[in-house]
Amino acid sequence: MYPDVKRIRTHRVMLRLDDYEHQLVTSIANYQGEELAVLVRQIVMREALAVVEADDINNDSVSRRSA
């Protein structure tokens, strides 16, 4: 049994890459010794967190200016 069943990865996302994009991420995965899907998930999550962080910074500076 899992401590938190929501942490089980059951959702799939379709991603289409051209030959050059696929070659790039496959090369990185091979170089790092990781599965391609794991690498792509890490890249997506890193970028998603950066977007959230940037949005938080922008909202903080706007609220400070209006105060």
C-alpha atoms as a PDB file:
ATOM      1  CA  MET A   1       0.000   0.000   0.000  1.00  0.00           C
ATOM      2  CA  TYR A   2       1.209   3.480  -0.835  1.00  0.00           C
ATOM      3  CA  PRO A   3       1.263   6.162   1.897  1.00  0.00           C
ATOM      4  CA  ASP A   4      -0.274   8.661  -0.549  1.00  0.00           C
ATOM      5  CA  VAL A   5      -2.133   7.105  -3.469  1.00  0.00           C
ATOM      6  CA  LYS A   6      -2.249  10.457  -5.285  1.00  0.00           C
ATOM      7  CA  ARG A   7       1.533  10.148  -5.763  1.00  0.00           C
ATOM      8  CA  ILE A   8       1.063   7.129  -8.057  1.00  0.00           C
ATOM      9  CA  ARG A   9       1.748   8.260 -11.609  1.00  0.00           C
ATOM     10  CA  THR A  10      -1.314   7.218 -13.583  1.00  0.00           C
ATOM     11  CA  HIS A  11      -1.873  10.255 -15.813  1.00  0.00           C
ATOM     12  CA  ARG A  12      -0.428  10.210 -19.313  1.00  0.00           C
ATOM     13  CA  VAL A  13       0.397  13.194 -21.484  1.00  0.00           C
ATOM     14  CA  MET A  14       0.934  12.893 -25.232  1.00  0.00           C
ATOM     15  CA  LEU A  15       4.039  14.691 -26.438  1.00  0.00           C
ATOM     16  CA  ARG A  16       5.113  14.813 -30.048  1.00  0.00           C
ATOM     17  CA  LEU A  17       8.708  15.666 -30.936  1.00  0.00           C
ATOM     18  CA  ASP A  18      10.385  16.055 -34.288  1.00  0.00           C
ATOM     19  CA  ASP A  19      13.481  14.003 -35.093  1.00  0.00           C
ATOM     20  CA  TYR A  20      15.884  16.680 -33.845  1.00  0.00           C
ATOM     21  CA  GLU A  21      14.062  17.240 -30.537  1.00  0.00           C
ATOM     22  CA  HIS A  22      13.812  13.512 -29.941  1.00  0.00           C
ATOM     23  CA  GLN A  23      17.485  13.019 -30.722  1.00  0.00           C
ATOM     24  CA  LEU A  24      18.410  15.795 -28.288  1.00  0.00           C
ATOM     25  CA  VAL A  25      16.424  14.507 -25.316  1.00  0.00           C
ATOM     26  CA  THR A  26      17.368  10.891 -26.065  1.00  0.00           C
ATOM     27  CA  SER A  27      21.047  11.859 -26.133  1.00  0.00           C
ATOM     28  CA  ILE A  28      20.725  13.651 -22.790  1.00  0.00           C
ATOM     29  CA  ALA A  29      18.896  10.674 -21.270  1.00  0.00           C
ATOM     30  CA  ASN A  30      21.548   8.272 -22.531  1.00  0.00           C
ATOM     31  CA  TYR A  31      24.357  10.512 -21.290  1.00  0.00           C
ATOM     32  CA  GLN A  32      22.793  10.742 -17.834  1.00  0.00           C
ATOM     33  CA  GLY A  33      21.855   7.049 -17.800  1.00  0.00           C
ATOM     34  CA  GLU A  34      18.160   7.782 -17.280  1.00  0.00           C
ATOM     35  CA  GLU A  35      14.989   6.631 -18.928  1.00  0.00           C
ATOM     36  CA  LEU A  36      13.697   9.082 -21.516  1.00  0.00           C
ATOM     37  CA  ALA A  37      10.310   9.461 -19.786  1.00  0.00           C
ATOM     38  CA  VAL A  38      11.984  10.190 -16.437  1.00  0.00           C
ATOM     39  CA  LEU A  39      14.173  12.873 -17.991  1.00  0.00           C
ATOM     40  CA  VAL A  40      11.263  14.522 -19.812  1.00  0.00           C
ATOM     41  CA  ARG A  41       9.139  14.487 -16.615  1.00  0.00           C
ATOM     42  CA  GLN A  42      12.004  16.121 -14.685  1.00  0.00           C
ATOM     43  CA  ILE A  43      12.395  18.817 -17.346  1.00  0.00           C
ATOM     44  CA  VAL A  44       8.654  19.515 -17.411  1.00  0.00           C
ATOM     45  CA  MET A  45       8.379  19.690 -13.620  1.00  0.00           C
ATOM     46  CA  ARG A  46      11.462  21.931 -13.334  1.00  0.00           C
ATOM     47  CA  GLU A  47       9.988  24.341 -15.884  1.00  0.00           C
ATOM     48  CA  ALA A  48       6.529  24.218 -14.254  1.00  0.00           C
ATOM     49  CA  LEU A  49       7.997  25.100 -10.861  1.00  0.00           C
ATOM     50  CA  ALA A  50      10.021  27.934 -12.425  1.00  0.00           C
ATOM     51  CA  VAL A  51       6.837  29.358 -13.968  1.00  0.00           C
ATOM     52  CA  VAL A  52       5.031  29.210 -10.621  1.00  0.00           C
ATOM     53  CA  GLU A  53       8.003  30.787  -8.848  1.00  0.00           C
ATOM     54  CA  ALA A  54       8.257  33.586 -11.426  1.00  0.00           C
ATOM     55  CA  ASP A  55       4.526  34.226 -11.115  1.00  0.00           C
ATOM     56  CA  ASP A  56       4.852  34.413  -7.315  1.00  0.00           C
ATOM     57  CA  ILE A  57       7.726  36.891  -7.618  1.00  0.00           C
ATOM     58  CA  ASN A  58       5.755  39.039 -10.066  1.00  0.00           C
ATOM     59  CA  ASN A  59       2.660  39.016  -7.849  1.00  0.00           C
ATOM     60  CA  ASP A  60       4.714  39.938  -4.762  1.00  0.00           C
ATOM     61  CA  SER A  61       6.306  42.915  -6.515  1.00  0.00           C
ATOM     62  CA  VAL A  62       2.924  44.114  -7.790  1.00  0.00           C
ATOM     63  CA  SER A  63       1.361  43.895  -4.335  1.00  0.00           C
ATOM     64  CA  ARG A  64       4.326  45.747  -2.797  1.00  0.00           C
ATOM     65  CA  ARG A  65       4.005  48.531  -5.351  1.00  0.00           C
ATOM     66  CA  SER A  66       0.305  48.983  -4.684  1.00  0.00           C
ATOM     67  CA  ALA A  67       0.762  49.112  -0.901  1.00  0.00           C
END
